[in-house]
Amino acid sequence: MIQFHDFGIDIQTYTDRGKGNDFPDVRQCPHCPSRRPLHRHGYYQRYALTTEGEYHLWIARYRCQECRKTVSVLPSFLLPYVQYTRSVIWQAVKTWLETPRRGAKTKQVGFPTKEVILFYVRRFLRNLSRLHHAAARRWGIIGPVGNARTERAV
């Protein structure tokens, strides 16, 4: 299982610190009802791609003494099983959606590739209802997202 943690630093600082990052203590297993703190179970290396370059990151793993399952603590700027950072994905999707629809030439964004951008645009559009639901739970938004004033159709 993966848990997210906001380290409050950028990706370059996280990379420079390596295994010396301030990794949180996982106090409870998300798999079982055990209340015992999880034991640090080592690290694994993960790649992250940004517009500035490629980074090799150390991710901390923890293991439950009761159920023997592991938990990885992922920095908040990453997504599980994805090499591009959240900010790169968001910027690519945002640029793609804001570009006028005059043809394929105006839609080209240099990084990541066009196929990768289309993959994330489709995923974003497919999950809009989930994003709205999450925003409603977190910030108490009720109803459609957008301008409070609506125009009536004639």
Protein backbone atom coordinates (compact mmCIF):
# COMPACT_ATOMS: atom_id res chain seq x y z
CA MET A 1 0.00 0.00 0.00
CA ILE A 2 1.10 3.55 -0.60
CA GLN A 3 0.72 6.49 1.76
CA PHE A 4 1.41 10.06 0.72
CA HIS A 5 3.42 12.51 2.80
CA ASP A 6 4.08 16.19 2.15
CA PHE A 7 7.76 16.70 2.92
CA GLY A 8 7.43 20.45 2.33
CA ILE A 9 10.42 20.49 -0.05
CA ASP A 10 10.91 20.45 -3.80
CA ILE A 11 12.04 17.44 -5.80
CA GLN A 12 15.66 18.63 -6.07
CA THR A 13 16.01 18.97 -2.29
CA TYR A 14 14.33 15.59 -1.79
CA THR A 15 16.80 14.01 -4.23
CA ASP A 16 19.81 15.70 -2.62
CA ARG A 17 18.84 14.44 0.84
CA GLY A 18 18.34 10.88 -0.43
CA LYS A 19 17.86 8.45 2.45
CA GLY A 20 18.41 11.33 4.88
CA ASN A 21 14.96 12.82 4.26
CA ASP A 22 12.70 13.36 7.25
CA PHE A 23 10.56 10.26 6.65
CA PRO A 24 7.46 10.07 8.87
CA ASP A 25 6.85 7.30 11.37
CA VAL A 26 3.91 5.18 10.29
CA ARG A 27 2.09 4.63 13.57
CA GLN A 28 -0.71 2.31 12.44
CA CYS A 29 -1.01 -0.37 9.79
CA PRO A 30 -3.55 0.49 7.08
CA HIS A 31 -4.00 -3.24 6.33
CA CYS A 32 -4.91 -4.60 9.76
CA PRO A 33 -6.26 -3.31 13.10
CA SER A 34 -2.82 -3.43 14.73
CA ARG A 35 -1.91 -0.25 16.61
CA ARG A 36 1.82 -1.02 16.76
CA PRO A 37 4.14 1.35 14.88
CA LEU A 38 5.46 -0.10 11.64
CA HIS A 39 9.09 -1.15 11.37
CA ARG A 40 11.33 0.58 8.78
CA HIS A 41 11.84 -2.08 6.12
CA GLY A 42 14.36 -0.42 3.82
CA TYR A 43 14.19 1.73 0.72
CA TYR A 44 13.67 1.35 -2.99
CA GLN A 45 14.67 3.64 -5.82
CA ARG A 46 12.16 5.37 -8.02
CA TYR A 47 12.51 7.64 -11.05
CA ALA A 48 10.76 10.97 -11.48
CA LEU A 49 10.63 12.96 -14.72
CA THR A 50 10.22 16.73 -14.80
CA THR A 51 10.81 19.38 -17.43
CA GLU A 52 14.21 20.00 -15.82
CA GLY A 53 15.36 16.40 -16.05
CA GLU A 54 15.32 12.96 -14.48
CA TYR A 55 15.62 12.34 -10.74
CA HIS A 56 16.45 9.18 -8.80
CA LEU A 57 14.48 9.17 -5.55
CA TRP A 58 14.63 6.96 -2.47
CA ILE A 59 11.24 5.81 -1.18
CA ALA A 60 10.97 4.49 2.40
CA ARG A 61 9.20 1.20 3.07
CA TYR A 62 7.67 0.07 6.34
CA ARG A 63 6.49 -3.39 7.41
CA CYS A 64 3.75 -4.35 9.86
CA GLN A 65 4.91 -6.79 12.55
CA GLU A 66 1.44 -8.36 12.74
CA CYS A 67 0.23 -8.91 9.16
CA ARG A 68 3.72 -8.67 7.54
CA LYS A 69 2.47 -6.35 4.76
CA THR A 70 4.48 -3.37 3.57
CA VAL A 71 3.62 0.32 3.24
CA SER A 72 5.58 2.78 1.09
CA VAL A 73 5.67 6.49 1.89
CA LEU A 74 5.50 8.44 -1.37
CA PRO A 75 6.25 12.19 -1.57
CA SER A 76 3.16 14.23 -2.42
CA PHE A 77 4.64 15.44 -5.73
CA LEU A 78 4.52 11.89 -7.17
CA LEU A 79 1.71 9.61 -8.27
CA PRO A 80 1.81 5.84 -7.76
CA TYR A 81 3.26 3.88 -10.69
CA VAL A 82 3.82 7.04 -12.79
CA GLN A 83 7.22 8.51 -13.62
CA TYR A 84 6.05 12.04 -14.45
CA THR A 85 5.48 14.31 -11.45
CA ARG A 86 2.02 15.65 -10.66
CA SER A 87 2.96 19.19 -11.71
CA VAL A 88 4.26 18.04 -15.12
CA ILE A 89 1.10 16.04 -15.77
CA TRP A 90 -1.15 18.90 -14.67
CA GLN A 91 0.70 21.49 -16.79
CA ALA A 92 0.56 19.23 -19.86
CA VAL A 93 -3.17 18.54 -19.44
CA LYS A 94 -3.91 22.21 -18.74
CA THR A 95 -1.93 23.38 -21.79
CA TRP A 96 -3.64 20.80 -23.97
CA LEU A 97 -7.13 21.82 -22.84
CA GLU A 98 -6.45 25.58 -23.13
CA THR A 99 -5.00 25.42 -26.64
CA PRO A 100 -7.45 26.49 -29.39
CA ARG A 101 -8.78 23.62 -31.47
CA ARG A 102 -7.55 24.80 -34.86
CA GLY A 103 -5.56 21.73 -35.72
CA ALA A 104 -2.92 19.29 -34.58
CA LYS A 105 -0.04 21.77 -34.97
CA THR A 106 -1.39 24.07 -32.26
CA LYS A 107 -1.80 21.11 -29.90
CA GLN A 108 1.83 20.06 -29.80
CA VAL A 109 3.48 20.31 -26.41
CA GLY A 110 7.16 19.39 -26.16
CA PHE A 111 7.19 17.47 -22.90
CA PRO A 112 5.90 14.85 -22.29
CA THR A 113 5.13 13.29 -25.67
CA LYS A 114 1.82 13.83 -27.43
CA GLU A 115 0.70 10.25 -26.75
CA VAL A 116 1.41 10.59 -23.03
CA ILE A 117 -0.44 13.91 -22.88
CA LEU A 118 -3.47 12.40 -24.62
CA PHE A 119 -3.42 9.51 -22.15
CA TYR A 120 -3.58 11.91 -19.20
CA VAL A 121 -6.15 14.19 -20.86
CA ARG A 122 -8.46 11.20 -21.39
CA ARG A 123 -7.87 10.02 -17.83
CA PHE A 124 -8.59 13.52 -16.48
CA LEU A 125 -11.83 13.84 -18.45
CA ARG A 126 -12.91 10.32 -17.46
CA ASN A 127 -12.40 11.12 -13.76
CA LEU A 128 -13.99 14.58 -13.61
CA SER A 129 -16.94 13.33 -11.56
CA ARG A 130 -14.56 11.75 -9.03
CA LEU A 131 -12.58 14.98 -8.81
CA HIS A 132 -15.78 16.93 -8.21
CA HIS A 133 -16.82 14.46 -5.50
CA ALA A 134 -13.43 14.78 -3.78
CA ALA A 135 -13.64 18.60 -3.91
CA ALA A 136 -17.17 18.51 -2.51
CA ARG A 137 -16.05 16.37 0.42
CA ARG A 138 -12.93 18.40 1.12
CA TRP A 139 -14.20 21.95 0.65
CA GLY A 140 -17.95 21.54 1.06
CA ILE A 141 -18.78 22.40 -2.55
CA ILE A 142 -22.33 21.44 -3.48
CA GLY A 143 -23.64 21.47 -7.02
CA PRO A 144 -21.77 22.10 -10.24
CA VAL A 145 -18.33 23.65 -10.11
CA GLY A 146 -18.05 26.99 -11.87
CA ASN A 147 -19.69 30.40 -11.88
CA ALA A 148 -22.46 30.81 -9.31
CA ARG A 149 -24.53 32.81 -11.82
CA THR A 150 -26.13 30.69 -14.48
CA GLU A 151 -27.80 31.83 -17.65
CA ARG A 152 -31.16 30.49 -18.70
CA ALA A 153 -31.56 28.85 -22.06
CA VAL A 154 -34.03 30.56 -24.37
